[in-house]
Amino acid sequence: WFRRAHGKEREFVAGISQSGMSTH
């Protein structure tokens, strides 16, 4: 998941592996 605020670059907010065993 990423987000882009007005006037800003796209920002990483969460990630998950294929199985769901790892998140960041």
mmCIF file of all heavy atoms, coordinates in Angstrom:
data_MODEL
# 
_entry.id   MODEL 
# 
loop_
_atom_site.group_PDB 
_atom_site.id 
_atom_site.type_symbol 
_atom_site.label_atom_id 
_atom_site.label_alt_id 
_atom_site.label_comp_id 
_atom_site.label_asym_id 
_atom_site.label_entity_id 
_atom_site.label_seq_id 
_atom_site.pdbx_PDB_ins_code 
_atom_site.Cartn_x 
_atom_site.Cartn_y 
_atom_site.Cartn_z 
_atom_site.occupancy 
_atom_site.B_iso_or_equiv 
_atom_site.pdbx_formal_charge 
_atom_site.auth_seq_id 
_atom_site.auth_comp_id 
_atom_site.auth_asym_id 
_atom_site.auth_atom_id 
_atom_site.pdbx_PDB_model_num 
ATOM 1   N N   . TRP A 1 1  ? 0.865  -1.188  0.000  1.00 0.00 ? 1  TRP A N   1 
ATOM 2   C CA  . TRP A 1 1  ? 0.000  0.000   0.000  1.00 0.00 ? 1  TRP A CA  1 
ATOM 3   C C   . TRP A 1 1  ? 0.899  1.234   0.000  1.00 0.00 ? 1  TRP A C   1 
ATOM 4   O O   . TRP A 1 1  ? 1.888  1.290   0.758  1.00 0.00 ? 1  TRP A O   1 
ATOM 5   C CB  . TRP A 1 1  ? -0.900 0.025   1.223  1.00 0.00 ? 1  TRP A CB  1 
ATOM 6   C CG  . TRP A 1 1  ? -2.055 -0.915  1.174  1.00 0.00 ? 1  TRP A CG  1 
ATOM 7   C CD1 . TRP A 1 1  ? -2.130 -2.168  1.705  1.00 0.00 ? 1  TRP A CD1 1 
ATOM 8   C CD2 . TRP A 1 1  ? -3.336 -0.661  0.580  1.00 0.00 ? 1  TRP A CD2 1 
ATOM 9   N NE1 . TRP A 1 1  ? -3.369 -2.720  1.467  1.00 0.00 ? 1  TRP A NE1 1 
ATOM 10  C CE2 . TRP A 1 1  ? -4.128 -1.815  0.786  1.00 0.00 ? 1  TRP A CE2 1 
ATOM 11  C CE3 . TRP A 1 1  ? -3.898 0.413   -0.103 1.00 0.00 ? 1  TRP A CE3 1 
ATOM 12  C CZ2 . TRP A 1 1  ? -5.448 -1.919  0.329  1.00 0.00 ? 1  TRP A CZ2 1 
ATOM 13  C CZ3 . TRP A 1 1  ? -5.202 0.315   -0.543 1.00 0.00 ? 1  TRP A CZ3 1 
ATOM 14  C CH2 . TRP A 1 1  ? -5.968 -0.845  -0.334 1.00 0.00 ? 1  TRP A CH2 1 
ATOM 15  N N   . PHE A 1 2  ? 0.519  2.190   -0.798 1.00 0.00 ? 2  PHE A N   1 
ATOM 16  C CA  . PHE A 1 2  ? 1.202  3.474   -0.892 1.00 0.00 ? 2  PHE A CA  1 
ATOM 17  C C   . PHE A 1 2  ? 0.160  4.579   -0.777 1.00 0.00 ? 2  PHE A C   1 
ATOM 18  O O   . PHE A 1 2  ? -1.030 4.350   -0.968 1.00 0.00 ? 2  PHE A O   1 
ATOM 19  C CB  . PHE A 1 2  ? 1.921  3.595   -2.237 1.00 0.00 ? 2  PHE A CB  1 
ATOM 20  C CG  . PHE A 1 2  ? 3.102  2.680   -2.398 1.00 0.00 ? 2  PHE A CG  1 
ATOM 21  C CD1 . PHE A 1 2  ? 2.909  1.328   -2.635 1.00 0.00 ? 2  PHE A CD1 1 
ATOM 22  C CD2 . PHE A 1 2  ? 4.391  3.165   -2.315 1.00 0.00 ? 2  PHE A CD2 1 
ATOM 23  C CE1 . PHE A 1 2  ? 3.990  0.470   -2.781 1.00 0.00 ? 2  PHE A CE1 1 
ATOM 24  C CE2 . PHE A 1 2  ? 5.488  2.324   -2.466 1.00 0.00 ? 2  PHE A CE2 1 
ATOM 25  C CZ  . PHE A 1 2  ? 5.277  0.975   -2.708 1.00 0.00 ? 2  PHE A CZ  1 
ATOM 26  N N   . ARG A 1 3  ? 0.627  5.765   -0.536 1.00 0.00 ? 3  ARG A N   1 
ATOM 27  C CA  . ARG A 1 3  ? -0.262 6.926   -0.572 1.00 0.00 ? 3  ARG A CA  1 
ATOM 28  C C   . ARG A 1 3  ? 0.469  8.105   -1.198 1.00 0.00 ? 3  ARG A C   1 
ATOM 29  O O   . ARG A 1 3  ? 1.688  8.205   -1.142 1.00 0.00 ? 3  ARG A O   1 
ATOM 30  C CB  . ARG A 1 3  ? -0.754 7.308   0.829  1.00 0.00 ? 3  ARG A CB  1 
ATOM 31  C CG  . ARG A 1 3  ? 0.328  7.854   1.753  1.00 0.00 ? 3  ARG A CG  1 
ATOM 32  C CD  . ARG A 1 3  ? -0.206 8.063   3.147  1.00 0.00 ? 3  ARG A CD  1 
ATOM 33  N NE  . ARG A 1 3  ? 0.838  8.519   4.066  1.00 0.00 ? 3  ARG A NE  1 
ATOM 34  C CZ  . ARG A 1 3  ? 0.752  8.440   5.371  1.00 0.00 ? 3  ARG A CZ  1 
ATOM 35  N NH1 . ARG A 1 3  ? -0.334 7.926   5.952  1.00 0.00 ? 3  ARG A NH1 1 
ATOM 36  N NH2 . ARG A 1 3  ? 1.741  8.880   6.141  1.00 0.00 ? 3  ARG A NH2 1 
ATOM 37  N N   . ARG A 1 4  ? -0.353 8.982   -1.768 1.00 0.00 ? 4  ARG A N   1 
ATOM 38  C CA  . ARG A 1 4  ? 0.183  10.219  -2.319 1.00 0.00 ? 4  ARG A CA  1 
ATOM 39  C C   . ARG A 1 4  ? -0.633 11.374  -1.771 1.00 0.00 ? 4  ARG A C   1 
ATOM 40  O O   . ARG A 1 4  ? -1.823 11.496  -2.069 1.00 0.00 ? 4  ARG A O   1 
ATOM 41  C CB  . ARG A 1 4  ? 0.136  10.230  -3.842 1.00 0.00 ? 4  ARG A CB  1 
ATOM 42  C CG  . ARG A 1 4  ? 0.625  11.541  -4.438 1.00 0.00 ? 4  ARG A CG  1 
ATOM 43  C CD  . ARG A 1 4  ? 0.604  11.501  -5.943 1.00 0.00 ? 4  ARG A CD  1 
ATOM 44  N NE  . ARG A 1 4  ? 1.730  10.757  -6.468 1.00 0.00 ? 4  ARG A NE  1 
ATOM 45  C CZ  . ARG A 1 4  ? 1.785  10.273  -7.713 1.00 0.00 ? 4  ARG A CZ  1 
ATOM 46  N NH1 . ARG A 1 4  ? 0.776  10.412  -8.522 1.00 0.00 ? 4  ARG A NH1 1 
ATOM 47  N NH2 . ARG A 1 4  ? 2.841  9.628   -8.121 1.00 0.00 ? 4  ARG A NH2 1 
ATOM 48  N N   . ALA A 1 5  ? 0.016  12.179  -0.976 1.00 0.00 ? 5  ALA A N   1 
ATOM 49  C CA  . ALA A 1 5  ? -0.605 13.409  -0.490 1.00 0.00 ? 5  ALA A CA  1 
ATOM 50  C C   . ALA A 1 5  ? -0.465 14.489  -1.556 1.00 0.00 ? 5  ALA A C   1 
ATOM 51  O O   . ALA A 1 5  ? 0.415  14.414  -2.420 1.00 0.00 ? 5  ALA A O   1 
ATOM 52  C CB  . ALA A 1 5  ? 0.048  13.851  0.812  1.00 0.00 ? 5  ALA A CB  1 
ATOM 53  N N   . HIS A 1 6  ? -1.326 15.482  -1.476 1.00 0.00 ? 6  HIS A N   1 
ATOM 54  C CA  . HIS A 1 6  ? -1.323 16.549  -2.477 1.00 0.00 ? 6  HIS A CA  1 
ATOM 55  C C   . HIS A 1 6  ? 0.043  17.229  -2.533 1.00 0.00 ? 6  HIS A C   1 
ATOM 56  O O   . HIS A 1 6  ? 0.556  17.694  -1.517 1.00 0.00 ? 6  HIS A O   1 
ATOM 57  C CB  . HIS A 1 6  ? -2.406 17.581  -2.159 1.00 0.00 ? 6  HIS A CB  1 
ATOM 58  C CG  . HIS A 1 6  ? -2.496 18.677  -3.163 1.00 0.00 ? 6  HIS A CG  1 
ATOM 59  N ND1 . HIS A 1 6  ? -2.911 18.465  -4.454 1.00 0.00 ? 6  HIS A ND1 1 
ATOM 60  C CD2 . HIS A 1 6  ? -2.207 19.996  -3.069 1.00 0.00 ? 6  HIS A CD2 1 
ATOM 61  C CE1 . HIS A 1 6  ? -2.902 19.612  -5.108 1.00 0.00 ? 6  HIS A CE1 1 
ATOM 62  N NE2 . HIS A 1 6  ? -2.471 20.549  -4.287 1.00 0.00 ? 6  HIS A NE2 1 
ATOM 63  N N   . GLY A 1 7  ? 0.639  17.247  -3.720 1.00 0.00 ? 7  GLY A N   1 
ATOM 64  C CA  . GLY A 1 7  ? 1.909  17.921  -3.896 1.00 0.00 ? 7  GLY A CA  1 
ATOM 65  C C   . GLY A 1 7  ? 3.123  17.153  -3.429 1.00 0.00 ? 7  GLY A C   1 
ATOM 66  O O   . GLY A 1 7  ? 4.233  17.686  -3.418 1.00 0.00 ? 7  GLY A O   1 
ATOM 67  N N   . LYS A 1 8  ? 2.924  15.883  -3.041 1.00 0.00 ? 8  LYS A N   1 
ATOM 68  C CA  . LYS A 1 8  ? 4.041  15.090  -2.534 1.00 0.00 ? 8  LYS A CA  1 
ATOM 69  C C   . LYS A 1 8  ? 4.243  13.841  -3.378 1.00 0.00 ? 8  LYS A C   1 
ATOM 70  O O   . LYS A 1 8  ? 3.382  13.449  -4.167 1.00 0.00 ? 8  LYS A O   1 
ATOM 71  C CB  . LYS A 1 8  ? 3.793  14.705  -1.078 1.00 0.00 ? 8  LYS A CB  1 
ATOM 72  C CG  . LYS A 1 8  ? 3.751  15.895  -0.126 1.00 0.00 ? 8  LYS A CG  1 
ATOM 73  C CD  . LYS A 1 8  ? 3.665  15.422  1.313  1.00 0.00 ? 8  LYS A CD  1 
ATOM 74  C CE  . LYS A 1 8  ? 3.696  16.611  2.277  1.00 0.00 ? 8  LYS A CE  1 
ATOM 75  N NZ  . LYS A 1 8  ? 3.640  16.167  3.703  1.00 0.00 ? 8  LYS A NZ  1 
ATOM 76  N N   . GLU A 1 9  ? 5.389  13.213  -3.156 1.00 0.00 ? 9  GLU A N   1 
ATOM 77  C CA  . GLU A 1 9  ? 5.688  11.969  -3.839 1.00 0.00 ? 9  GLU A CA  1 
ATOM 78  C C   . GLU A 1 9  ? 4.878  10.813  -3.236 1.00 0.00 ? 9  GLU A C   1 
ATOM 79  O O   . GLU A 1 9  ? 4.447  10.878  -2.083 1.00 0.00 ? 9  GLU A O   1 
ATOM 80  C CB  . GLU A 1 9  ? 7.181  11.651  -3.718 1.00 0.00 ? 9  GLU A CB  1 
ATOM 81  C CG  . GLU A 1 9  ? 8.106  12.655  -4.388 1.00 0.00 ? 9  GLU A CG  1 
ATOM 82  C CD  . GLU A 1 9  ? 7.988  12.591  -5.896 1.00 0.00 ? 9  GLU A CD  1 
ATOM 83  O OE1 . GLU A 1 9  ? 7.890  11.469  -6.426 1.00 0.00 ? 9  GLU A OE1 1 
ATOM 84  O OE2 . GLU A 1 9  ? 7.983  13.652  -6.544 1.00 0.00 ? 9  GLU A OE2 1 
ATOM 85  N N   . ARG A 1 10 ? 4.705  9.781   -4.033 1.00 0.00 ? 10 ARG A N   1 
ATOM 86  C CA  . ARG A 1 10 ? 4.046  8.585   -3.528 1.00 0.00 ? 10 ARG A CA  1 
ATOM 87  C C   . ARG A 1 10 ? 4.907  7.956   -2.423 1.00 0.00 ? 10 ARG A C   1 
ATOM 88  O O   . ARG A 1 10 ? 6.115  7.844   -2.569 1.00 0.00 ? 10 ARG A O   1 
ATOM 89  C CB  . ARG A 1 10 ? 3.831  7.600   -4.680 1.00 0.00 ? 10 ARG A CB  1 
ATOM 90  C CG  . ARG A 1 10 ? 2.846  6.509   -4.382 1.00 0.00 ? 10 ARG A CG  1 
ATOM 91  C CD  . ARG A 1 10 ? 2.518  5.716   -5.633 1.00 0.00 ? 10 ARG A CD  1 
ATOM 92  N NE  . ARG A 1 10 ? 1.831  6.517   -6.630 1.00 0.00 ? 10 ARG A NE  1 
ATOM 93  C CZ  . ARG A 1 10 ? 1.252  6.005   -7.727 1.00 0.00 ? 10 ARG A CZ  1 
ATOM 94  N NH1 . ARG A 1 10 ? 1.295  4.698   -7.927 1.00 0.00 ? 10 ARG A NH1 1 
ATOM 95  N NH2 . ARG A 1 10 ? 0.664  6.780   -8.588 1.00 0.00 ? 10 ARG A NH2 1 
ATOM 96  N N   . GLU A 1 11 ? 4.253  7.553   -1.351 1.00 0.00 ? 11 GLU A N   1 
ATOM 97  C CA  . GLU A 1 11 ? 4.951  7.099   -0.143 1.00 0.00 ? 11 GLU A CA  1 
ATOM 98  C C   . GLU A 1 11 ? 4.499  5.694   0.231  1.00 0.00 ? 11 GLU A C   1 
ATOM 99  O O   . GLU A 1 11 ? 3.283  5.413   0.281  1.00 0.00 ? 11 GLU A O   1 
ATOM 100 C CB  . GLU A 1 11 ? 4.621  8.067   1.001  1.00 0.00 ? 11 GLU A CB  1 
ATOM 101 C CG  . GLU A 1 11 ? 5.109  7.658   2.365  1.00 0.00 ? 11 GLU A CG  1 
ATOM 102 C CD  . GLU A 1 11 ? 4.534  8.499   3.484  1.00 0.00 ? 11 GLU A CD  1 
ATOM 103 O OE1 . GLU A 1 11 ? 3.498  9.170   3.273  1.00 0.00 ? 11 GLU A OE1 1 
ATOM 104 O OE2 . GLU A 1 11 ? 5.105  8.484   4.592  1.00 0.00 ? 11 GLU A OE2 1 
ATOM 105 N N   . PHE A 1 12 ? 5.443  4.838   0.550  1.00 0.00 ? 12 PHE A N   1 
ATOM 106 C CA  . PHE A 1 12 ? 5.147  3.488   1.012  1.00 0.00 ? 12 PHE A CA  1 
ATOM 107 C C   . PHE A 1 12 ? 4.568  3.538   2.422  1.00 0.00 ? 12 PHE A C   1 
ATOM 108 O O   . PHE A 1 12 ? 5.125  4.215   3.295  1.00 0.00 ? 12 PHE A O   1 
ATOM 109 C CB  . PHE A 1 12 ? 6.433  2.663   0.999  1.00 0.00 ? 12 PHE A CB  1 
ATOM 110 C CG  . PHE A 1 12 ? 6.340  1.309   1.627  1.00 0.00 ? 12 PHE A CG  1 
ATOM 111 C CD1 . PHE A 1 12 ? 5.762  0.254   0.932  1.00 0.00 ? 12 PHE A CD1 1 
ATOM 112 C CD2 . PHE A 1 12 ? 6.835  1.071   2.899  1.00 0.00 ? 12 PHE A CD2 1 
ATOM 113 C CE1 . PHE A 1 12 ? 5.684  -1.009  1.505  1.00 0.00 ? 12 PHE A CE1 1 
ATOM 114 C CE2 . PHE A 1 12 ? 6.763  -0.189  3.470  1.00 0.00 ? 12 PHE A CE2 1 
ATOM 115 C CZ  . PHE A 1 12 ? 6.189  -1.226  2.770  1.00 0.00 ? 12 PHE A CZ  1 
ATOM 116 N N   . VAL A 1 13 ? 3.447  2.810   2.648  1.00 0.00 ? 13 VAL A N   1 
ATOM 117 C CA  . VAL A 1 13 ? 2.858  2.807   3.992  1.00 0.00 ? 13 VAL A CA  1 
ATOM 118 C C   . VAL A 1 13 ? 2.752  1.406   4.596  1.00 0.00 ? 13 VAL A C   1 
ATOM 119 O O   . VAL A 1 13 ? 2.617  1.275   5.815  1.00 0.00 ? 13 VAL A O   1 
ATOM 120 C CB  . VAL A 1 13 ? 1.472  3.485   4.018  1.00 0.00 ? 13 VAL A CB  1 
ATOM 121 C CG1 . VAL A 1 13 ? 1.577  4.946   3.600  1.00 0.00 ? 13 VAL A CG1 1 
ATOM 122 C CG2 . VAL A 1 13 ? 0.460  2.747   3.171  1.00 0.00 ? 13 VAL A CG2 1 
ATOM 123 N N   . ALA A 1 14 ? 2.785  0.359   3.762  1.00 0.00 ? 14 ALA A N   1 
ATOM 124 C CA  . ALA A 1 14 ? 2.712  -1.000  4.299  1.00 0.00 ? 14 ALA A CA  1 
ATOM 125 C C   . ALA A 1 14 ? 3.003  -2.002  3.192  1.00 0.00 ? 14 ALA A C   1 
ATOM 126 O O   . ALA A 1 14 ? 2.676  -1.750  2.031  1.00 0.00 ? 14 ALA A O   1 
ATOM 127 C CB  . ALA A 1 14 ? 1.329  -1.284  4.887  1.00 0.00 ? 14 ALA A CB  1 
ATOM 128 N N   . GLY A 1 15 ? 3.588  -3.138  3.567  1.00 0.00 ? 15 GLY A N   1 
ATOM 129 C CA  . GLY A 1 15 ? 3.839  -4.197  2.603  1.00 0.00 ? 15 GLY A CA  1 
ATOM 130 C C   . GLY A 1 15 ? 3.666  -5.554  3.246  1.00 0.00 ? 15 GLY A C   1 
ATOM 131 O O   . GLY A 1 15 ? 3.820  -5.699  4.461  1.00 0.00 ? 15 GLY A O   1 
ATOM 132 N N   . ILE A 1 16 ? 3.340  -6.541  2.414  1.00 0.00 ? 16 ILE A N   1 
ATOM 133 C CA  . ILE A 1 16 ? 3.114  -7.889  2.915  1.00 0.00 ? 16 ILE A CA  1 
ATOM 134 C C   . ILE A 1 16 ? 3.624  -8.893  1.895  1.00 0.00 ? 16 ILE A C   1 
ATOM 135 O O   . ILE A 1 16 ? 3.535  -8.669  0.690  1.00 0.00 ? 16 ILE A O   1 
ATOM 136 C CB  . ILE A 1 16 ? 1.612  -8.105  3.227  1.00 0.00 ? 16 ILE A CB  1 
ATOM 137 C CG1 . ILE A 1 16 ? 1.377  -9.406  3.990  1.00 0.00 ? 16 ILE A CG1 1 
ATOM 138 C CG2 . ILE A 1 16 ? 0.762  -8.032  1.965  1.00 0.00 ? 16 ILE A CG2 1 
ATOM 139 C CD1 . ILE A 1 16 ? -0.016 -9.492  4.614  1.00 0.00 ? 16 ILE A CD1 1 
ATOM 140 N N   . SER A 1 17 ? 4.168  -9.977  2.393  1.00 0.00 ? 17 SER A N   1 
ATOM 141 C CA  . SER A 1 17 ? 4.705  -11.004 1.504  1.00 0.00 ? 17 SER A CA  1 
ATOM 142 C C   . SER A 1 17 ? 3.578  -11.852 0.926  1.00 0.00 ? 17 SER A C   1 
ATOM 143 O O   . SER A 1 17 ? 2.415  -11.714 1.284  1.00 0.00 ? 17 SER A O   1 
ATOM 144 C CB  . SER A 1 17 ? 5.688  -11.880 2.273  1.00 0.00 ? 17 SER A CB  1 
ATOM 145 O OG  . SER A 1 17 ? 5.026  -12.531 3.359  1.00 0.00 ? 17 SER A OG  1 
ATOM 146 N N   . GLN A 1 18 ? 3.949  -12.753 0.030  1.00 0.00 ? 18 GLN A N   1 
ATOM 147 C CA  . GLN A 1 18 ? 2.961  -13.578 -0.678 1.00 0.00 ? 18 GLN A CA  1 
ATOM 148 C C   . GLN A 1 18 ? 2.042  -14.321 0.271  1.00 0.00 ? 18 GLN A C   1 
ATOM 149 O O   . GLN A 1 18 ? 0.827  -14.367 0.074  1.00 0.00 ? 18 GLN A O   1 
ATOM 150 C CB  . GLN A 1 18 ? 3.690  -14.601 -1.539 1.00 0.00 ? 18 GLN A CB  1 
ATOM 151 C CG  . GLN A 1 18 ? 4.518  -14.060 -2.646 1.00 0.00 ? 18 GLN A CG  1 
ATOM 152 C CD  . GLN A 1 18 ? 5.373  -15.168 -3.217 1.00 0.00 ? 18 GLN A CD  1 
ATOM 153 O OE1 . GLN A 1 18 ? 6.198  -15.755 -2.525 1.00 0.00 ? 18 GLN A OE1 1 
ATOM 154 N NE2 . GLN A 1 18 ? 5.183  -15.462 -4.479 1.00 0.00 ? 18 GLN A NE2 1 
ATOM 155 N N   . SER A 1 19 ? 2.614  -14.923 1.278  1.00 0.00 ? 19 SER A N   1 
ATOM 156 C CA  . SER A 1 19 ? 1.824  -15.755 2.188  1.00 0.00 ? 19 SER A CA  1 
ATOM 157 C C   . SER A 1 19 ? 1.222  -14.971 3.330  1.00 0.00 ? 19 SER A C   1 
ATOM 158 O O   . SER A 1 19 ? 0.336  -15.464 4.029  1.00 0.00 ? 19 SER A O   1 
ATOM 159 C CB  . SER A 1 19 ? 2.712  -16.856 2.769  1.00 0.00 ? 19 SER A CB  1 
ATOM 160 O OG  . SER A 1 19 ? 3.705  -16.286 3.600  1.00 0.00 ? 19 SER A OG  1 
ATOM 161 N N   . GLY A 1 20 ? 1.726  -13.748 3.515  1.00 0.00 ? 20 GLY A N   1 
ATOM 162 C CA  . GLY A 1 20 ? 1.304  -12.955 4.663  1.00 0.00 ? 20 GLY A CA  1 
ATOM 163 C C   . GLY A 1 20 ? 2.181  -13.151 5.879  1.00 0.00 ? 20 GLY A C   1 
ATOM 164 O O   . GLY A 1 20 ? 1.931  -12.530 6.909  1.00 0.00 ? 20 GLY A O   1 
ATOM 165 N N   . MET A 1 21 ? 3.222  -13.972 5.765  1.00 0.00 ? 21 MET A N   1 
ATOM 166 C CA  . MET A 1 21 ? 4.052  -14.256 6.928  1.00 0.00 ? 21 MET A CA  1 
ATOM 167 C C   . MET A 1 21 ? 4.950  -13.090 7.306  1.00 0.00 ? 21 MET A C   1 
ATOM 168 O O   . MET A 1 21 ? 5.411  -12.999 8.445  1.00 0.00 ? 21 MET A O   1 
ATOM 169 C CB  . MET A 1 21 ? 4.914  -15.485 6.659  1.00 0.00 ? 21 MET A CB  1 
ATOM 170 C CG  . MET A 1 21 ? 5.910  -15.310 5.522  1.00 0.00 ? 21 MET A CG  1 
ATOM 171 S SD  . MET A 1 21 ? 6.859  -16.803 5.167  1.00 0.00 ? 21 MET A SD  1 
ATOM 172 C CE  . MET A 1 21 ? 8.012  -16.814 6.517  1.00 0.00 ? 21 MET A CE  1 
ATOM 173 N N   . SER A 1 22 ? 5.211  -12.187 6.360  1.00 0.00 ? 22 SER A N   1 
ATOM 174 C CA  . SER A 1 22 ? 6.070  -11.040 6.629  1.00 0.00 ? 22 SER A CA  1 
ATOM 175 C C   . SER A 1 22 ? 5.357  -9.757  6.254  1.00 0.00 ? 22 SER A C   1 
ATOM 176 O O   . SER A 1 22 ? 4.665  -9.693  5.235  1.00 0.00 ? 22 SER A O   1 
ATOM 177 C CB  . SER A 1 22 ? 7.368  -11.138 5.821  1.00 0.00 ? 22 SER A CB  1 
ATOM 178 O OG  . SER A 1 22 ? 8.101  -12.273 6.179  1.00 0.00 ? 22 SER A OG  1 
ATOM 179 N N   . THR A 1 23 ? 5.539  -8.741  7.092  1.00 0.00 ? 23 THR A N   1 
ATOM 180 C CA  . THR A 1 23 ? 4.988  -7.424  6.818  1.00 0.00 ? 23 THR A CA  1 
ATOM 181 C C   . THR A 1 23 ? 6.046  -6.381  7.139  1.00 0.00 ? 23 THR A C   1 
ATOM 182 O O   . THR A 1 23 ? 7.012  -6.648  7.865  1.00 0.00 ? 23 THR A O   1 
ATOM 183 C CB  . THR A 1 23 ? 3.732  -7.135  7.656  1.00 0.00 ? 23 THR A CB  1 
ATOM 184 O OG1 . THR A 1 23 ? 4.065  -7.210  9.054  1.00 0.00 ? 23 THR A OG1 1 
ATOM 185 C CG2 . THR A 1 23 ? 2.615  -8.113  7.351  1.00 0.00 ? 23 THR A CG2 1 
ATOM 186 N N   . HIS A 1 24 ? 5.848  -5.175  6.611  1.00 0.00 ? 24 HIS A N   1 
ATOM 187 C CA  . HIS A 1 24 ? 6.788  -4.096  6.886  1.00 0.00 ? 24 HIS A CA  1 
ATOM 188 C C   . HIS A 1 24 ? 6.050  -2.774  6.844  1.00 0.00 ? 24 HIS A C   1 
ATOM 189 O O   . HIS A 1 24 ? 5.154  -2.572  6.004  1.00 0.00 ? 24 HIS A O   1 
ATOM 190 C CB  . HIS A 1 24 ? 7.923  -4.081  5.862  1.00 0.00 ? 24 HIS A CB  1 
ATOM 191 C CG  . HIS A 1 24 ? 8.988  -3.078  6.183  1.00 0.00 ? 24 HIS A CG  1 
ATOM 192 N ND1 . HIS A 1 24 ? 10.019 -3.343  7.056  1.00 0.00 ? 24 HIS A ND1 1 
ATOM 193 C CD2 . HIS A 1 24 ? 9.152  -1.800  5.763  1.00 0.00 ? 24 HIS A CD2 1 
ATOM 194 C CE1 . HIS A 1 24 ? 10.781 -2.282  7.161  1.00 0.00 ? 24 HIS A CE1 1 
ATOM 195 N NE2 . HIS A 1 24 ? 10.288 -1.333  6.385  1.00 0.00 ? 24 HIS A NE2 1 
# 
